[in-house]
């Protein structure tokens, strides 16, 4: 445990950021999973879920949670699955 006041504050800030990042990453993964499941069952709301999933990927990219190349790759794969 740190002794310096600023280091103690930094530990708290890092933990808050870690939890926020984990939550946002989990939301992105859930959105992608929901779209894939809907597409596999030919659900009628697959187009809406595709839009939600791509938006979640874009948000994760803008927050720095994932690299821009990974975001592009994931969106490309989702679009190919959506167009099938």
C-alpha atoms as a PDB file:
ATOM      1  CA  UNK A   1       0.000   0.000   0.000  1.00  0.00           C
ATOM      2  CA  UNK A   2       1.407   3.403  -0.909  1.00  0.00           C
ATOM      3  CA  UNK A   3       2.434   5.880   1.781  1.00  0.00           C
ATOM      4  CA  UNK A   4       2.354   9.103  -0.220  1.00  0.00           C
ATOM      5  CA  UNK A   5      -0.995  10.885  -0.431  1.00  0.00           C
ATOM      6  CA  UNK A   6      -0.919  11.323  -4.212  1.00  0.00           C
ATOM      7  CA  UNK A   7      -0.042   7.643  -4.672  1.00  0.00           C
ATOM      8  CA  UNK A   8      -3.005   6.642  -2.491  1.00  0.00           C
ATOM      9  CA  UNK A   9      -5.290   8.804  -4.605  1.00  0.00           C
ATOM     10  CA  UNK A  10      -3.866   7.256  -7.757  1.00  0.00           C
ATOM     11  CA  UNK A  11      -4.663   3.749  -6.495  1.00  0.00           C
ATOM     12  CA  UNK A  12      -8.298   4.771  -5.997  1.00  0.00           C
ATOM     13  CA  UNK A  13      -8.443   6.404  -9.436  1.00  0.00           C
ATOM     14  CA  UNK A  14      -6.935   3.340 -11.105  1.00  0.00           C
ATOM     15  CA  UNK A  15      -9.443   1.027  -9.452  1.00  0.00           C
ATOM     16  CA  UNK A  16     -12.372   3.197 -10.536  1.00  0.00           C
ATOM     17  CA  UNK A  17     -11.037   3.286 -14.105  1.00  0.00           C
ATOM     18  CA  UNK A  18     -10.468  -0.480 -14.097  1.00  0.00           C
ATOM     19  CA  UNK A  19     -14.053  -1.152 -13.060  1.00  0.00           C
ATOM     20  CA  UNK A  20     -15.426   1.327 -15.601  1.00  0.00           C
ATOM     21  CA  UNK A  21     -13.323  -0.190 -18.385  1.00  0.00           C
ATOM     22  CA  UNK A  22     -14.362  -3.725 -17.456  1.00  0.00           C
ATOM     23  CA  UNK A  23     -18.014  -2.735 -17.460  1.00  0.00           C
ATOM     24  CA  UNK A  24     -17.806  -1.041 -20.860  1.00  0.00           C
ATOM     25  CA  UNK A  25     -15.846  -3.939 -22.360  1.00  0.00           C
ATOM     26  CA  UNK A  26     -18.404  -6.384 -20.989  1.00  0.00           C
ATOM     27  CA  UNK A  27     -21.252  -4.342 -22.481  1.00  0.00           C
ATOM     28  CA  UNK A  28     -19.519  -4.374 -25.881  1.00  0.00           C
ATOM     29  CA  UNK A  29     -19.002  -8.126 -25.773  1.00  0.00           C
ATOM     30  CA  UNK A  30     -22.607  -8.687 -24.721  1.00  0.00           C
ATOM     31  CA  UNK A  31     -23.889  -6.562 -27.601  1.00  0.00           C
ATOM     32  CA  UNK A  32     -21.829  -8.576 -30.090  1.00  0.00           C
ATOM     33  CA  UNK A  33     -22.961 -11.860 -28.531  1.00  0.00           C
ATOM     34  CA  UNK A  34     -26.614 -10.779 -28.649  1.00  0.00           C
ATOM     35  CA  UNK A  35     -26.321  -9.925 -32.345  1.00  0.00           C
ATOM     36  CA  UNK A  36     -24.644 -13.225 -33.198  1.00  0.00           C
ATOM     37  CA  UNK A  37     -27.294 -15.166 -31.298  1.00  0.00           C
ATOM     38  CA  UNK A  38     -30.108 -13.263 -33.027  1.00  0.00           C
ATOM     39  CA  UNK A  39     -28.528 -13.813 -36.433  1.00  0.00           C
ATOM     40  CA  UNK A  40     -28.135 -17.531 -35.769  1.00  0.00           C
ATOM     41  CA  UNK A  41     -31.826 -17.850 -34.941  1.00  0.00           C
ATOM     42  CA  UNK A  42     -32.929 -15.515 -37.764  1.00  0.00           C
ATOM     43  CA  UNK A  43     -34.578 -13.124 -35.315  1.00  0.00           C
ATOM     44  CA  UNK A  44     -36.414 -10.133 -36.728  1.00  0.00           C
ATOM     45  CA  UNK A  45     -34.494  -7.639 -34.559  1.00  0.00           C
ATOM     46  CA  UNK A  46     -31.068  -8.647 -35.906  1.00  0.00           C
ATOM     47  CA  UNK A  47     -30.696  -5.356 -37.798  1.00  0.00           C
ATOM     48  CA  UNK A  48     -31.238  -3.347 -34.626  1.00  0.00           C
ATOM     49  CA  UNK A  49     -28.814  -5.537 -32.711  1.00  0.00           C
ATOM     50  CA  UNK A  50     -26.245  -5.122 -35.501  1.00  0.00           C
ATOM     51  CA  UNK A  51     -26.511  -1.346 -35.151  1.00  0.00           C
ATOM     52  CA  UNK A  52     -26.193  -1.614 -31.371  1.00  0.00           C
ATOM     53  CA  UNK A  53     -23.148  -3.888 -31.631  1.00  0.00           C
ATOM     54  CA  UNK A  54     -21.318  -1.658 -34.103  1.00  0.00           C
ATOM     55  CA  UNK A  55     -22.067   1.371 -31.937  1.00  0.00           C
ATOM     56  CA  UNK A  56     -20.714  -0.453 -28.878  1.00  0.00           C
ATOM     57  CA  UNK A  57     -17.531  -1.303 -30.775  1.00  0.00           C
ATOM     58  CA  UNK A  58     -17.123   2.311 -31.881  1.00  0.00           C
ATOM     59  CA  UNK A  59     -17.634   3.535 -28.323  1.00  0.00           C
ATOM     60  CA  UNK A  60     -15.035   1.086 -27.002  1.00  0.00           C
ATOM     61  CA  UNK A  61     -12.596   2.281 -29.664  1.00  0.00           C
ATOM     62  CA  UNK A  62     -13.182   5.931 -28.830  1.00  0.00           C
ATOM     63  CA  UNK A  63     -12.646   5.245 -25.121  1.00  0.00           C
ATOM     64  CA  UNK A  64      -9.368   3.443 -25.862  1.00  0.00           C
ATOM     65  CA  UNK A  65     -10.603   0.070 -24.634  1.00  0.00           C
ATOM     66  CA  UNK A  66      -9.753  -1.644 -27.911  1.00  0.00           C
ATOM     67  CA  UNK A  67      -7.368  -0.794 -30.717  1.00  0.00           C
ATOM     68  CA  UNK A  68      -8.753   0.800 -33.862  1.00  0.00           C
ATOM     69  CA  UNK A  69      -7.608  -2.147 -35.989  1.00  0.00           C
ATOM     70  CA  UNK A  70      -9.499  -4.568 -33.744  1.00  0.00           C
ATOM     71  CA  UNK A  71     -12.584  -2.373 -33.948  1.00  0.00           C
ATOM     72  CA  UNK A  72     -12.427  -2.370 -37.736  1.00  0.00           C
ATOM     73  CA  UNK A  73     -11.857  -6.105 -37.874  1.00  0.00           C
ATOM     74  CA  UNK A  74     -14.753  -6.831 -35.525  1.00  0.00           C
ATOM     75  CA  UNK A  75     -17.128  -4.509 -37.382  1.00  0.00           C
ATOM     76  CA  UNK A  76     -16.115  -6.063 -40.698  1.00  0.00           C
ATOM     77  CA  UNK A  77     -16.839  -9.548 -39.405  1.00  0.00           C
ATOM     78  CA  UNK A  78     -20.198  -8.467 -38.018  1.00  0.00           C
ATOM     79  CA  UNK A  79     -21.113  -6.804 -41.332  1.00  0.00           C
ATOM     80  CA  UNK A  80     -20.173  -9.955 -43.249  1.00  0.00           C
ATOM     81  CA  UNK A  81     -22.340 -12.007 -40.889  1.00  0.00           C
ATOM     82  CA  UNK A  82     -25.177  -9.491 -41.216  1.00  0.00           C
ATOM     83  CA  UNK A  83     -25.063  -9.641 -45.027  1.00  0.00           C
ATOM     84  CA  UNK A  84     -25.266 -13.437 -45.150  1.00  0.00           C
END
